[in-house]
């Protein structure tokens, strides 16, 4: 049986509705991609705008990371979205399109989902 990311988000929502907050199935989204070094300021500004807009619409914690070194003349960036909710990916994709981030990156955005097992303390 194949489990899609949407299945995980739906399971998280069901778990949250059925159990108390201490047993909530927390799902986090990490998206990485590459951009040319000359686009650094534009990537930071674009992601900052889109994440600010997302925070205004939904209670989601998010951030932006980058590798400290370049690889093949490009910088690897990683957006993170913690405790995502059902429908978040659609909201995020609309915000990315609106912000014009795709024009700044090389290649595709890679998406990874992780389920929290032990919280950071």
Protein backbone atom coordinates (compact mmCIF):
# COMPACT_ATOMS: atom_id res chain seq x y z
CA UNK A 1 0.00 0.00 0.00
CA UNK A 2 1.35 3.43 -0.95
CA UNK A 3 0.80 6.32 1.45
CA UNK A 4 0.75 9.80 -0.03
CA UNK A 5 1.68 13.00 1.80
CA UNK A 6 -1.99 14.00 1.71
CA UNK A 7 -2.84 10.73 3.54
CA UNK A 8 -0.37 11.73 6.27
CA UNK A 9 -1.90 15.19 6.61
CA UNK A 10 -5.41 13.72 6.74
CA UNK A 11 -4.28 11.21 9.38
CA UNK A 12 -2.80 14.05 11.40
CA UNK A 13 -6.09 15.91 11.29
CA UNK A 14 -8.03 12.79 12.36
CA UNK A 15 -5.53 12.11 15.13
CA UNK A 16 -5.83 15.67 16.38
CA UNK A 17 -9.62 15.47 16.42
CA UNK A 18 -9.68 12.09 18.15
CA UNK A 19 -6.90 12.48 20.71
CA UNK A 20 -5.54 15.15 23.01
CA UNK A 21 -2.81 17.56 21.90
CA UNK A 22 -0.04 15.56 23.59
CA UNK A 23 -0.56 12.65 21.20
CA UNK A 24 -1.01 14.74 18.05
CA UNK A 25 0.60 13.29 14.93
CA UNK A 26 2.81 16.22 13.95
CA UNK A 27 3.76 16.48 10.32
CA UNK A 28 6.51 18.76 9.03
CA UNK A 29 7.26 19.74 5.44
CA UNK A 30 10.75 20.45 4.10
CA UNK A 31 11.31 21.76 0.57
CA UNK A 32 14.73 22.12 -0.96
CA UNK A 33 15.95 23.55 -4.25
CA UNK A 34 18.94 25.31 -5.79
CA UNK A 35 19.47 28.85 -6.99
CA UNK A 36 22.35 30.81 -8.43
CA UNK A 37 24.40 32.83 -5.92
CA UNK A 38 23.47 36.09 -7.65
CA UNK A 39 19.81 35.36 -6.76
CA UNK A 40 20.51 35.09 -3.01
CA UNK A 41 18.93 38.39 -1.97
CA UNK A 42 15.94 37.82 -4.25
CA UNK A 43 15.35 34.28 -2.92
CA UNK A 44 15.48 35.49 0.69
CA UNK A 45 13.13 38.40 -0.04
CA UNK A 46 10.69 36.24 -2.01
CA UNK A 47 10.54 33.44 0.58
CA UNK A 48 10.25 35.99 3.38
CA UNK A 49 7.21 37.57 1.68
CA UNK A 50 5.50 34.25 0.99
CA UNK A 51 6.13 32.89 4.49
CA UNK A 52 4.92 36.14 6.05
CA UNK A 53 1.72 35.84 4.00
CA UNK A 54 1.29 32.20 5.08
CA UNK A 55 1.75 33.11 8.75
CA UNK A 56 -0.92 35.77 8.32
CA UNK A 57 -3.43 33.29 6.88
CA UNK A 58 -2.63 30.23 8.98
CA UNK A 59 -0.89 29.48 12.26
CA UNK A 60 2.12 27.75 10.74
CA UNK A 61 5.74 27.97 11.87
CA UNK A 62 8.14 28.29 8.98
CA UNK A 63 11.71 29.19 8.15
CA UNK A 64 14.42 29.23 5.50
CA UNK A 65 17.82 27.54 5.62
CA UNK A 66 20.73 27.36 3.20
CA UNK A 67 23.79 25.19 2.87
CA UNK A 68 26.91 27.06 3.93
CA UNK A 69 28.75 26.11 0.73
CA UNK A 70 27.98 26.16 -2.97
CA UNK A 71 27.70 23.03 -5.09
CA UNK A 72 28.24 23.23 -8.84
CA UNK A 73 28.01 27.00 -8.64
CA UNK A 74 24.60 26.94 -6.93
CA UNK A 75 23.26 27.41 -3.41
CA UNK A 76 20.92 24.84 -1.89
CA UNK A 77 17.97 26.35 0.01
CA UNK A 78 15.51 24.63 2.33
CA UNK A 79 12.15 25.96 3.41
CA UNK A 80 10.60 24.34 6.48
CA UNK A 81 6.99 24.30 7.59
CA UNK A 82 6.22 22.79 10.98
CA UNK A 83 2.94 21.30 12.18
CA UNK A 84 1.26 21.58 8.81
CA UNK A 85 -2.49 21.11 8.49
CA UNK A 86 -4.80 19.52 5.90
CA UNK A 87 -4.85 21.63 2.74
CA UNK A 88 -1.56 23.37 3.57
CA UNK A 89 0.25 22.17 0.43
CA UNK A 90 -2.41 23.74 -1.81
CA UNK A 91 -2.14 27.00 0.16
CA UNK A 92 1.66 26.90 -0.10
CA UNK A 93 1.65 26.18 -3.85
CA UNK A 94 -0.64 29.15 -4.44
CA UNK A 95 1.63 31.40 -2.36
CA UNK A 96 4.74 30.19 -4.24
CA UNK A 97 3.08 30.90 -7.59
CA UNK A 98 1.95 34.33 -6.41
CA UNK A 99 5.43 35.21 -5.10
CA UNK A 100 7.18 34.19 -8.34
CA UNK A 101 9.75 31.99 -6.59
CA UNK A 102 9.94 29.51 -9.48
CA UNK A 103 11.63 32.14 -11.65
CA UNK A 104 14.53 32.34 -9.18
CA UNK A 105 15.37 28.67 -8.78
CA UNK A 106 17.29 26.20 -10.92
CA UNK A 107 15.45 22.92 -11.48
CA UNK A 108 12.59 21.74 -9.30
CA UNK A 109 11.51 22.09 -5.68
CA UNK A 110 11.97 18.78 -3.86
CA UNK A 111 9.44 18.01 -1.13
CA UNK A 112 10.02 15.83 1.93
CA UNK A 113 7.58 15.08 4.76
CA UNK A 114 8.67 14.07 8.27
CA UNK A 115 6.56 12.97 11.19
CA UNK A 116 7.64 14.16 14.63
CA UNK A 117 8.56 11.33 16.99
CA UNK A 118 10.28 13.28 19.76
CA UNK A 119 9.83 17.04 20.02
CA UNK A 120 12.81 19.39 20.26
CA UNK A 121 13.26 20.66 23.77
